[in-house]
Amino acid sequence: FFREGFLPSPEVTIMLEELDLSENKMDEEASLLLQVWISKIGARGSLSKLNLRKTGASLGLVLPALENLTKLEELDISNSTLDLDTAQILSRVISGSSTFKKL
């Protein structure tokens, strides 16, 4: 999905409501590409559910972009490692959202 230089166009994916990347290994490069894509769809996007369970995603890269997703309701980061900085970013994402319901 995010490998080999392919980054989906925000215009093509703006109506995407759910993205399940669970159990797909994501290195730092893939995490960065996901962060860029999320940043580009931002508040215009319809993404309400994001599943990153067992991906190994670099959450320190991905989570800050989630602050711009105004419709995000659910985030699954099961089996992910959170350091203090990443936990603070996650806290900021959740507390700044009026739609967030489930972690």
PDB file of N, CA and C in Angstrom:
ATOM      1  N   PHE A   1       0.823  -1.202   0.000  1.00  0.00           N
ATOM      2  CA  PHE A   1       0.000   0.000   0.000  1.00  0.00           C
ATOM      3  C   PHE A   1       0.866   1.265   0.000  1.00  0.00           C
ATOM      4  N   PHE A   2       1.826   1.345   0.899  1.00  0.00           N
ATOM      5  CA  PHE A   2       2.650   2.541   0.989  1.00  0.00           C
ATOM      6  C   PHE A   2       4.096   2.278   0.594  1.00  0.00           C
ATOM      7  N   ARG A   3       4.366   1.201  -0.115  1.00  0.00           N
ATOM      8  CA  ARG A   3       5.737   0.847  -0.440  1.00  0.00           C
ATOM      9  C   ARG A   3       6.104   1.239  -1.857  1.00  0.00           C
ATOM     10  N   GLU A   4       7.391   1.193  -2.105  1.00  0.00           N
ATOM     11  CA  GLU A   4       7.948   1.403  -3.429  1.00  0.00           C
ATOM     12  C   GLU A   4       7.517   2.726  -4.060  1.00  0.00           C
ATOM     13  N   GLY A   5       7.460   3.768  -3.216  1.00  0.00           N
ATOM     14  CA  GLY A   5       7.187   5.097  -3.740  1.00  0.00           C
ATOM     15  C   GLY A   5       5.738   5.372  -4.063  1.00  0.00           C
ATOM     16  N   PHE A   6       4.851   4.414  -3.818  1.00  0.00           N
ATOM     17  CA  PHE A   6       3.439   4.636  -4.112  1.00  0.00           C
ATOM     18  C   PHE A   6       2.788   5.307  -2.920  1.00  0.00           C
ATOM     19  N   LEU A   7       2.250   6.458  -3.126  1.00  0.00           N
ATOM     20  CA  LEU A   7       1.514   7.170  -2.095  1.00  0.00           C
ATOM     21  C   LEU A   7       0.172   7.544  -2.698  1.00  0.00           C
ATOM     22  N   PRO A   8      -0.923   6.977  -2.177  1.00  0.00           N
ATOM     23  CA  PRO A   8      -2.220   7.258  -2.778  1.00  0.00           C
ATOM     24  C   PRO A   8      -2.538   8.744  -2.758  1.00  0.00           C
ATOM     25  N   SER A   9      -3.162   9.192  -3.802  1.00  0.00           N
ATOM     26  CA  SER A   9      -3.553  10.584  -3.906  1.00  0.00           C
ATOM     27  C   SER A   9      -4.614  10.901  -2.859  1.00  0.00           C
ATOM     28  N   PRO A  10      -4.467  12.008  -2.140  1.00  0.00           N
ATOM     29  CA  PRO A  10      -5.498  12.380  -1.166  1.00  0.00           C
ATOM     30  C   PRO A  10      -6.874  12.533  -1.814  1.00  0.00           C
ATOM     31  N   GLU A  11      -6.925  13.010  -3.030  1.00  0.00           N
ATOM     32  CA  GLU A  11      -8.198  13.203  -3.709  1.00  0.00           C
ATOM     33  C   GLU A  11      -8.899  11.871  -3.973  1.00  0.00           C
ATOM     34  N   VAL A  12      -8.126  10.836  -4.245  1.00  0.00           N
ATOM     35  CA  VAL A  12      -8.685   9.520  -4.529  1.00  0.00           C
ATOM     36  C   VAL A  12      -9.182   8.862  -3.235  1.00  0.00           C
ATOM     37  N   THR A  13      -8.527   9.116  -2.120  1.00  0.00           N
ATOM     38  CA  THR A  13      -8.830   8.415  -0.875  1.00  0.00           C
ATOM     39  C   THR A  13      -9.552   9.276   0.155  1.00  0.00           C
ATOM     40  N   ILE A  14      -9.959  10.444  -0.205  1.00  0.00           N
ATOM     41  CA  ILE A  14     -10.560  11.368   0.757  1.00  0.00           C
ATOM     42  C   ILE A  14     -11.859  10.837   1.371  1.00  0.00           C
ATOM     43  N   MET A  15     -12.572   9.982   0.657  1.00  0.00           N
ATOM     44  CA  MET A  15     -13.826   9.433   1.161  1.00  0.00           C
ATOM     45  C   MET A  15     -13.629   8.128   1.945  1.00  0.00           C
ATOM     46  N   LEU A  16     -12.401   7.657   2.041  1.00  0.00           N
ATOM     47  CA  LEU A  16     -12.100   6.433   2.778  1.00  0.00           C
ATOM     48  C   LEU A  16     -12.470   6.615   4.248  1.00  0.00           C
ATOM     49  N   GLU A  17     -13.310   5.729   4.759  1.00  0.00           N
ATOM     50  CA  GLU A  17     -13.760   5.840   6.148  1.00  0.00           C
ATOM     51  C   GLU A  17     -13.001   4.917   7.092  1.00  0.00           C
ATOM     52  N   GLU A  18     -12.543   3.781   6.596  1.00  0.00           N
ATOM     53  CA  GLU A  18     -11.816   2.825   7.423  1.00  0.00           C
ATOM     54  C   GLU A  18     -10.548   2.376   6.707  1.00  0.00           C
ATOM     55  N   LEU A  19      -9.467   2.294   7.471  1.00  0.00           N
ATOM     56  CA  LEU A  19      -8.209   1.798   6.924  1.00  0.00           C
ATOM     57  C   LEU A  19      -7.647   0.782   7.910  1.00  0.00           C
ATOM     58  N   ASP A  20      -7.562  -0.457   7.475  1.00  0.00           N
ATOM     59  CA  ASP A  20      -7.069  -1.542   8.317  1.00  0.00           C
ATOM     60  C   ASP A  20      -5.722  -2.015   7.762  1.00  0.00           C
ATOM     61  N   LEU A  21      -4.666  -1.634   8.427  1.00  0.00           N
ATOM     62  CA  LEU A  21      -3.319  -2.051   8.041  1.00  0.00           C
ATOM     63  C   LEU A  21      -2.770  -3.085   9.014  1.00  0.00           C
ATOM     64  N   SER A  22      -3.636  -3.617   9.862  1.00  0.00           N
ATOM     65  CA  SER A  22      -3.192  -4.544  10.908  1.00  0.00           C
ATOM     66  C   SER A  22      -2.391  -5.706  10.338  1.00  0.00           C
ATOM     67  N   GLU A  23      -1.360  -6.066  11.102  1.00  0.00           N
ATOM     68  CA  GLU A  23      -0.471  -7.181  10.796  1.00  0.00           C
ATOM     69  C   GLU A  23       0.310  -7.021   9.490  1.00  0.00           C
ATOM     70  N   ASN A  24       0.373  -5.820   8.968  1.00  0.00           N
ATOM     71  CA  ASN A  24       1.249  -5.503   7.837  1.00  0.00           C
ATOM     72  C   ASN A  24       2.464  -4.797   8.414  1.00  0.00           C
ATOM     73  N   LYS A  25       3.618  -5.368   8.233  1.00  0.00           N
ATOM     74  CA  LYS A  25       4.836  -4.801   8.805  1.00  0.00           C
ATOM     75  C   LYS A  25       5.112  -3.426   8.194  1.00  0.00           C
ATOM     76  N   MET A  26       5.293  -2.437   9.070  1.00  0.00           N
ATOM     77  CA  MET A  26       5.579  -1.077   8.628  1.00  0.00           C
ATOM     78  C   MET A  26       6.897  -0.622   9.232  1.00  0.00           C
ATOM     79  N   ASP A  27       7.854  -0.329   8.378  1.00  0.00           N
ATOM     80  CA  ASP A  27       9.116   0.208   8.861  1.00  0.00           C
ATOM     81  C   ASP A  27       8.991   1.728   8.974  1.00  0.00           C
ATOM     82  N   GLU A  28      10.094   2.381   9.256  1.00  0.00           N
ATOM     83  CA  GLU A  28      10.064   3.835   9.432  1.00  0.00           C
ATOM     84  C   GLU A  28       9.652   4.553   8.145  1.00  0.00           C
ATOM     85  N   GLU A  29      10.111   4.058   7.005  1.00  0.00           N
ATOM     86  CA  GLU A  29       9.752   4.669   5.726  1.00  0.00           C
ATOM     87  C   GLU A  29       8.247   4.578   5.478  1.00  0.00           C
ATOM     88  N   ALA A  30       7.672   3.409   5.729  1.00  0.00           N
ATOM     89  CA  ALA A  30       6.227   3.230   5.546  1.00  0.00           C
ATOM     90  C   ALA A  30       5.454   4.104   6.531  1.00  0.00           C
ATOM     91  N   SER A  31       5.952   4.228   7.749  1.00  0.00           N
ATOM     92  CA  SER A  31       5.314   5.081   8.752  1.00  0.00           C
ATOM     93  C   SER A  31       5.331   6.539   8.312  1.00  0.00           C
ATOM     94  N   LEU A  32       6.437   6.959   7.750  1.00  0.00           N
ATOM     95  CA  LEU A  32       6.549   8.329   7.268  1.00  0.00           C
ATOM     96  C   LEU A  32       5.590   8.581   6.100  1.00  0.00           C
ATOM     97  N   LEU A  33       5.485   7.624   5.187  1.00  0.00           N
ATOM     98  CA  LEU A  33       4.555   7.773   4.070  1.00  0.00           C
ATOM     99  C   LEU A  33       3.111   7.836   4.547  1.00  0.00           C
ATOM    100  N   LEU A  34       2.773   7.022   5.555  1.00  0.00           N
ATOM    101  CA  LEU A  34       1.425   7.074   6.127  1.00  0.00           C
ATOM    102  C   LEU A  34       1.183   8.431   6.769  1.00  0.00           C
ATOM    103  N   GLN A  35       2.169   8.936   7.471  1.00  0.00           N
ATOM    104  CA  GLN A  35       2.055  10.259   8.105  1.00  0.00           C
ATOM    105  C   GLN A  35       1.820  11.344   7.069  1.00  0.00           C
ATOM    106  N   VAL A  36       2.547  11.299   5.974  1.00  0.00           N
ATOM    107  CA  VAL A  36       2.387  12.293   4.905  1.00  0.00           C
ATOM    108  C   VAL A  36       0.997  12.198   4.299  1.00  0.00           C
ATOM    109  N   TRP A  37       0.540  10.976   4.034  1.00  0.00           N
ATOM    110  CA  TRP A  37      -0.788  10.783   3.449  1.00  0.00           C
ATOM    111  C   TRP A  37      -1.882  11.304   4.381  1.00  0.00           C
ATOM    112  N   ILE A  38      -1.806  10.962   5.675  1.00  0.00           N
ATOM    113  CA  ILE A  38      -2.798  11.436   6.643  1.00  0.00           C
ATOM    114  C   ILE A  38      -2.780  12.955   6.718  1.00  0.00           C
ATOM    115  N   SER A  39      -1.595  13.533   6.711  1.00  0.00           N
ATOM    116  CA  SER A  39      -1.485  14.993   6.757  1.00  0.00           C
ATOM    117  C   SER A  39      -2.131  15.644   5.546  1.00  0.00           C
ATOM    118  N   LYS A  40      -2.009  14.996   4.392  1.00  0.00           N
ATOM    119  CA  LYS A  40      -2.583  15.569   3.172  1.00  0.00           C
ATOM    120  C   LYS A  40      -4.102  15.483   3.127  1.00  0.00           C
ATOM    121  N   ILE A  41      -4.682  14.396   3.662  1.00  0.00           N
ATOM    122  CA  ILE A  41      -6.150  14.335   3.644  1.00  0.00           C
ATOM    123  C   ILE A  41      -6.736  15.201   4.746  1.00  0.00           C
ATOM    124  N   GLY A  42      -6.048  15.271   5.877  1.00  0.00           N
ATOM    125  CA  GLY A  42      -6.425  16.157   6.964  1.00  0.00           C
ATOM    126  C   GLY A  42      -7.908  16.224   7.262  1.00  0.00           C
ATOM    127  N   ALA A  43      -8.384  17.408   7.547  1.00  0.00           N
ATOM    128  CA  ALA A  43      -9.770  17.629   7.944  1.00  0.00           C
ATOM    129  C   ALA A  43     -10.750  17.341   6.811  1.00  0.00           C
ATOM    130  N   ARG A  44     -10.277  17.339   5.573  1.00  0.00           N
ATOM    131  CA  ARG A  44     -11.170  17.048   4.440  1.00  0.00           C
ATOM    132  C   ARG A  44     -11.532  15.578   4.379  1.00  0.00           C
ATOM    133  N   GLY A  45     -10.725  14.746   4.998  1.00  0.00           N
ATOM    134  CA  GLY A  45     -10.902  13.306   4.921  1.00  0.00           C
ATOM    135  C   GLY A  45     -12.058  12.788   5.751  1.00  0.00           C
ATOM    136  N   SER A  46     -12.499  11.586   5.414  1.00  0.00           N
ATOM    137  CA  SER A  46     -13.612  10.935   6.108  1.00  0.00           C
ATOM    138  C   SER A  46     -13.143   9.794   6.998  1.00  0.00           C
ATOM    139  N   LEU A  47     -11.839   9.647   7.183  1.00  0.00           N
ATOM    140  CA  LEU A  47     -11.300   8.517   7.936  1.00  0.00           C
ATOM    141  C   LEU A  47     -11.787   8.555   9.383  1.00  0.00           C
ATOM    142  N   SER A  48     -12.531   7.518   9.774  1.00  0.00           N
ATOM    143  CA  SER A  48     -13.040   7.447  11.142  1.00  0.00           C
ATOM    144  C   SER A  48     -12.443   6.271  11.919  1.00  0.00           C
ATOM    145  N   LYS A  49     -11.911   5.271  11.217  1.00  0.00           N
ATOM    146  CA  LYS A  49     -11.318   4.112  11.891  1.00  0.00           C
ATOM    147  C   LYS A  49      -9.966   3.800  11.265  1.00  0.00           C
ATOM    148  N   LEU A  50      -8.951   3.719  12.116  1.00  0.00           N
ATOM    149  CA  LEU A  50      -7.601   3.392  11.663  1.00  0.00           C
ATOM    150  C   LEU A  50      -7.066   2.258  12.522  1.00  0.00           C
ATOM    151  N   ASN A  51      -6.707   1.156  11.880  1.00  0.00           N
ATOM    152  CA  ASN A  51      -6.198  -0.009  12.594  1.00  0.00           C
ATOM    153  C   ASN A  51      -4.726  -0.212  12.245  1.00  0.00           C
ATOM    154  N   LEU A  52      -3.879  -0.018  13.242  1.00  0.00           N
ATOM    155  CA  LEU A  52      -2.437  -0.212  13.083  1.00  0.00           C
ATOM    156  C   LEU A  52      -1.935  -1.320  13.998  1.00  0.00           C
ATOM    157  N   ARG A  53      -2.820  -2.234  14.401  1.00  0.00           N
ATOM    158  CA  ARG A  53      -2.476  -3.325  15.306  1.00  0.00           C
ATOM    159  C   ARG A  53      -1.404  -4.218  14.689  1.00  0.00           C
ATOM    160  N   LYS A  54      -0.394  -4.496  15.475  1.00  0.00           N
ATOM    161  CA  LYS A  54       0.709  -5.388  15.089  1.00  0.00           C
ATOM    162  C   LYS A  54       1.379  -4.971  13.778  1.00  0.00           C
ATOM    163  N   THR A  55       1.590  -3.687  13.596  1.00  0.00           N
ATOM    164  CA  THR A  55       2.264  -3.228  12.375  1.00  0.00           C
ATOM    165  C   THR A  55       3.716  -2.855  12.629  1.00  0.00           C
ATOM    166  N   GLY A  56       4.036  -2.519  13.867  1.00  0.00           N
ATOM    167  CA  GLY A  56       5.380  -2.032  14.152  1.00  0.00           C
ATOM    168  C   GLY A  56       5.585  -0.615  13.650  1.00  0.00           C
ATOM    169  N   ALA A  57       4.488   0.077  13.361  1.00  0.00           N
ATOM    170  CA  ALA A  57       4.571   1.453  12.851  1.00  0.00           C
ATOM    171  C   ALA A  57       5.297   2.347  13.852  1.00  0.00           C
ATOM    172  N   SER A  58       6.020   3.310  13.349  1.00  0.00           N
ATOM    173  CA  SER A  58       6.673   4.312  14.191  1.00  0.00           C
ATOM    174  C   SER A  58       5.618   5.326  14.602  1.00  0.00           C
ATOM    175  N   LEU A  59       5.003   5.078  15.743  1.00  0.00           N
ATOM    176  CA  LEU A  59       3.880   5.899  16.176  1.00  0.00           C
ATOM    177  C   LEU A  59       4.266   7.355  16.412  1.00  0.00           C
ATOM    178  N   GLY A  60       5.515   7.582  16.756  1.00  0.00           N
ATOM    179  CA  GLY A  60       5.984   8.957  16.926  1.00  0.00           C
ATOM    180  C   GLY A  60       5.887   9.759  15.638  1.00  0.00           C
ATOM    181  N   LEU A  61       5.911   9.066  14.500  1.00  0.00           N
ATOM    182  CA  LEU A  61       5.746   9.729  13.200  1.00  0.00           C
ATOM    183  C   LEU A  61       4.278   9.841  12.809  1.00  0.00           C
ATOM    184  N   VAL A  62       3.513   8.783  13.063  1.00  0.00           N
ATOM    185  CA  VAL A  62       2.132   8.707  12.584  1.00  0.00           C
ATOM    186  C   VAL A  62       1.162   9.518  13.447  1.00  0.00           C
ATOM    187  N   LEU A  63       1.278   9.398  14.759  1.00  0.00           N
ATOM    188  CA  LEU A  63       0.282   9.996  15.650  1.00  0.00           C
ATOM    189  C   LEU A  63       0.101  11.506  15.505  1.00  0.00           C
ATOM    190  N   PRO A  64       1.163  12.313  15.349  1.00  0.00           N
ATOM    191  CA  PRO A  64       0.932  13.755  15.219  1.00  0.00           C
ATOM    192  C   PRO A  64       0.005  14.126  14.057  1.00  0.00           C
ATOM    193  N   ALA A  65       0.048  13.350  12.991  1.00  0.00           N
ATOM    194  CA  ALA A  65      -0.810  13.637  11.837  1.00  0.00           C
ATOM    195  C   ALA A  65      -2.280  13.408  12.159  1.00  0.00           C
ATOM    196  N   LEU A  66      -2.570  12.556  13.136  1.00  0.00           N
ATOM    197  CA  LEU A  66      -3.958  12.247  13.473  1.00  0.00           C
ATOM    198  C   LEU A  66      -4.695  13.436  14.068  1.00  0.00           C
ATOM    199  N   GLU A  67      -3.971  14.416  14.564  1.00  0.00           N
ATOM    200  CA  GLU A  67      -4.614  15.599  15.131  1.00  0.00           C
ATOM    201  C   GLU A  67      -5.477  16.340  14.111  1.00  0.00           C
ATOM    202  N   ASN A  68      -5.181  16.160  12.836  1.00  0.00           N
ATOM    203  CA  ASN A  68      -5.929  16.848  11.785  1.00  0.00           C
ATOM    204  C   ASN A  68      -7.125  16.055  11.272  1.00  0.00           C
ATOM    205  N   LEU A  69      -7.279  14.809  11.738  1.00  0.00           N
ATOM    206  CA  LEU A  69      -8.401  13.988  11.283  1.00  0.00           C
ATOM    207  C   LEU A  69      -9.620  14.273  12.157  1.00  0.00           C
ATOM    208  N   THR A  70     -10.480  15.136  11.705  1.00  0.00           N
ATOM    209  CA  THR A  70     -11.606  15.604  12.518  1.00  0.00           C
ATOM    210  C   THR A  70     -12.720  14.576  12.688  1.00  0.00           C
ATOM    211  N   LYS A  71     -12.686  13.493  11.910  1.00  0.00           N
ATOM    212  CA  LYS A  71     -13.734  12.478  12.009  1.00  0.00           C
ATOM    213  C   LYS A  71     -13.240  11.173  12.650  1.00  0.00           C
ATOM    214  N   LEU A  72     -12.004  11.143  13.091  1.00  0.00           N
ATOM    215  CA  LEU A  72     -11.441   9.920  13.665  1.00  0.00           C
ATOM    216  C   LEU A  72     -12.171   9.548  14.956  1.00  0.00           C
ATOM    217  N   GLU A  73     -12.714   8.321  14.973  1.00  0.00           N
ATOM    218  CA  GLU A  73     -13.437   7.811  16.136  1.00  0.00           C
ATOM    219  C   GLU A  73     -12.705   6.661  16.809  1.00  0.00           C
ATOM    220  N   GLU A  74     -12.014   5.838  16.016  1.00  0.00           N
ATOM    221  CA  GLU A  74     -11.367   4.645  16.556  1.00  0.00           C
ATOM    222  C   GLU A  74      -9.936   4.514  16.051  1.00  0.00           C
ATOM    223  N   LEU A  75      -9.059   4.143  16.975  1.00  0.00           N
ATOM    224  CA  LEU A  75      -7.664   3.895  16.650  1.00  0.00           C
ATOM    225  C   LEU A  75      -7.233   2.634  17.374  1.00  0.00           C
ATOM    226  N   ASP A  76      -6.736   1.653  16.625  1.00  0.00           N
ATOM    227  CA  ASP A  76      -6.234   0.420  17.225  1.00  0.00           C
ATOM    228  C   ASP A  76      -4.721   0.375  17.048  1.00  0.00           C
ATOM    229  N   ILE A  77      -4.022   0.486  18.156  1.00  0.00           N
ATOM    230  CA  ILE A  77      -2.559   0.394  18.143  1.00  0.00           C
ATOM    231  C   ILE A  77      -2.109  -0.738  19.075  1.00  0.00           C
ATOM    232  N   SER A  78      -2.949  -1.769  19.173  1.00  0.00           N
ATOM    233  CA  SER A  78      -2.625  -2.934  19.998  1.00  0.00           C
ATOM    234  C   SER A  78      -1.269  -3.504  19.600  1.00  0.00           C
ATOM    235  N   ASN A  79      -0.548  -4.003  20.587  1.00  0.00           N
ATOM    236  CA  ASN A  79       0.767  -4.603  20.390  1.00  0.00           C
ATOM    237  C   ASN A  79       1.785  -3.598  19.867  1.00  0.00           C
ATOM    238  N   SER A  80       1.596  -2.344  20.208  1.00  0.00           N
ATOM    239  CA  SER A  80       2.545  -1.290  19.838  1.00  0.00           C
ATOM    240  C   SER A  80       3.270  -0.819  21.088  1.00  0.00           C
ATOM    241  N   THR A  81       4.477  -0.366  20.906  1.00  0.00           N
ATOM    242  CA  THR A  81       5.266   0.152  22.015  1.00  0.00           C
ATOM    243  C   THR A  81       5.097   1.664  22.083  1.00  0.00           C
ATOM    244  N   LEU A  82       4.775   2.137  23.285  1.00  0.00           N
ATOM    245  CA  LEU A  82       4.642   3.579  23.501  1.00  0.00           C
ATOM    246  C   LEU A  82       5.700   4.042  24.486  1.00  0.00           C
ATOM    247  N   ASP A  83       6.525   4.986  24.070  1.00  0.00           N
ATOM    248  CA  ASP A  83       7.428   5.614  25.026  1.00  0.00           C
ATOM    249  C   ASP A  83       6.701   6.845  25.572  1.00  0.00           C
ATOM    250  N   LEU A  84       7.319   7.559  26.473  1.00  0.00           N
ATOM    251  CA  LEU A  84       6.665   8.692  27.114  1.00  0.00           C
ATOM    252  C   LEU A  84       6.266   9.769  26.097  1.00  0.00           C
ATOM    253  N   ASP A  85       7.153  10.084  25.166  1.00  0.00           N
ATOM    254  CA  ASP A  85       6.845  11.108  24.162  1.00  0.00           C
ATOM    255  C   ASP A  85       5.658  10.706  23.295  1.00  0.00           C
ATOM    256  N   THR A  86       5.639   9.443  22.877  1.00  0.00           N
ATOM    257  CA  THR A  86       4.552   8.953  22.028  1.00  0.00           C
ATOM    258  C   THR A  86       3.241   8.931  22.805  1.00  0.00           C
ATOM    259  N   ALA A  87       3.291   8.559  24.073  1.00  0.00           N
ATOM    260  CA  ALA A  87       2.092   8.558  24.914  1.00  0.00           C
ATOM    261  C   ALA A  87       1.543   9.980  25.066  1.00  0.00           C
ATOM    262  N   GLN A  88       2.425  10.959  25.179  1.00  0.00           N
ATOM    263  CA  GLN A  88       1.978  12.350  25.284  1.00  0.00           C
ATOM    264  C   GLN A  88       1.315  12.821  23.988  1.00  0.00           C
ATOM    265  N   ILE A  89       1.864  12.410  22.861  1.00  0.00           N
ATOM    266  CA  ILE A  89       1.261  12.754  21.569  1.00  0.00           C
ATOM    267  C   ILE A  89      -0.122  12.116  21.470  1.00  0.00           C
ATOM    268  N   LEU A  90      -0.217  10.847  21.861  1.00  0.00           N
ATOM    269  CA  LEU A  90      -1.497  10.149  21.824  1.00  0.00           C
ATOM    270  C   LEU A  90      -2.520  10.847  22.720  1.00  0.00           C
ATOM    271  N   SER A  91      -2.097  11.249  23.877  1.00  0.00           N
ATOM    272  CA  SER A  91      -2.976  11.972  24.798  1.00  0.00           C
ATOM    273  C   SER A  91      -3.480  13.271  24.166  1.00  0.00           C
ATOM    274  N   ARG A  92      -2.597  13.970  23.495  1.00  0.00           N
ATOM    275  CA  ARG A  92      -2.964  15.230  22.829  1.00  0.00           C
ATOM    276  C   ARG A  92      -3.970  14.978  21.702  1.00  0.00           C
ATOM    277  N   VAL A  93      -3.766  13.906  20.942  1.00  0.00           N
ATOM    278  CA  VAL A  93      -4.678  13.550  19.845  1.00  0.00           C
ATOM    279  C   VAL A  93      -6.070  13.264  20.403  1.00  0.00           C
ATOM    280  N   ILE A  94      -6.127  12.458  21.459  1.00  0.00           N
ATOM    281  CA  ILE A  94      -7.421  12.072  22.036  1.00  0.00           C
ATOM    282  C   ILE A  94      -8.113  13.276  22.675  1.00  0.00           C
ATOM    283  N   SER A  95      -7.396  14.038  23.469  1.00  0.00           N
ATOM    284  CA  SER A  95      -8.025  15.161  24.171  1.00  0.00           C
ATOM    285  C   SER A  95      -8.431  16.291  23.222  1.00  0.00           C
ATOM    286  N   GLY A  96      -7.776  16.392  22.081  1.00  0.00           N
ATOM    287  CA  GLY A  96      -8.109  17.445  21.123  1.00  0.00           C
ATOM    288  C   GLY A  96      -9.210  17.077  20.170  1.00  0.00           C
ATOM    289  N   SER A  97      -9.722  15.860  20.278  1.00  0.00           N
ATOM    290  CA  SER A  97     -10.747  15.388  19.347  1.00  0.00           C
ATOM    291  C   SER A  97     -12.126  15.432  19.987  1.00  0.00           C
ATOM    292  N   SER A  98     -13.105  15.854  19.201  1.00  0.00           N
ATOM    293  CA  SER A  98     -14.479  15.839  19.676  1.00  0.00           C
ATOM    294  C   SER A  98     -15.214  14.582  19.219  1.00  0.00           C
ATOM    295  N   THR A  99     -14.566  13.760  18.398  1.00  0.00           N
ATOM    296  CA  THR A  99     -15.222  12.576  17.845  1.00  0.00           C
ATOM    297  C   THR A  99     -14.638  11.268  18.345  1.00  0.00           C
ATOM    298  N   PHE A 100     -13.470  11.296  18.957  1.00  0.00           N
ATOM    299  CA  PHE A 100     -12.769  10.076  19.350  1.00  0.00           C
ATOM    300  C   PHE A 100     -13.554   9.295  20.378  1.00  0.00           C
ATOM    301  N   LYS A 101     -13.731   7.968  20.122  1.00  0.00           N
ATOM    302  CA  LYS A 101     -14.536   7.131  21.015  1.00  0.00           C
ATOM    303  C   LYS A 101     -13.814   5.910  21.535  1.00  0.00           C
ATOM    304  N   LYS A 102     -12.887   5.340  20.738  1.00  0.00           N
ATOM    305  CA  LYS A 102     -12.350   4.043  21.110  1.00  0.00           C
ATOM    306  C   LYS A 102     -10.863   3.919  20.766  1.00  0.00           C
ATOM    307  N   LEU A 103     -10.104   3.439  21.758  1.00  0.00           N
ATOM    308  CA  LEU A 103      -8.672   3.198  21.572  1.00  0.00           C
ATOM    309  C   LEU A 103      -8.431   1.720  21.768  1.00  0.00           C
TER     310      LEU A 103
END
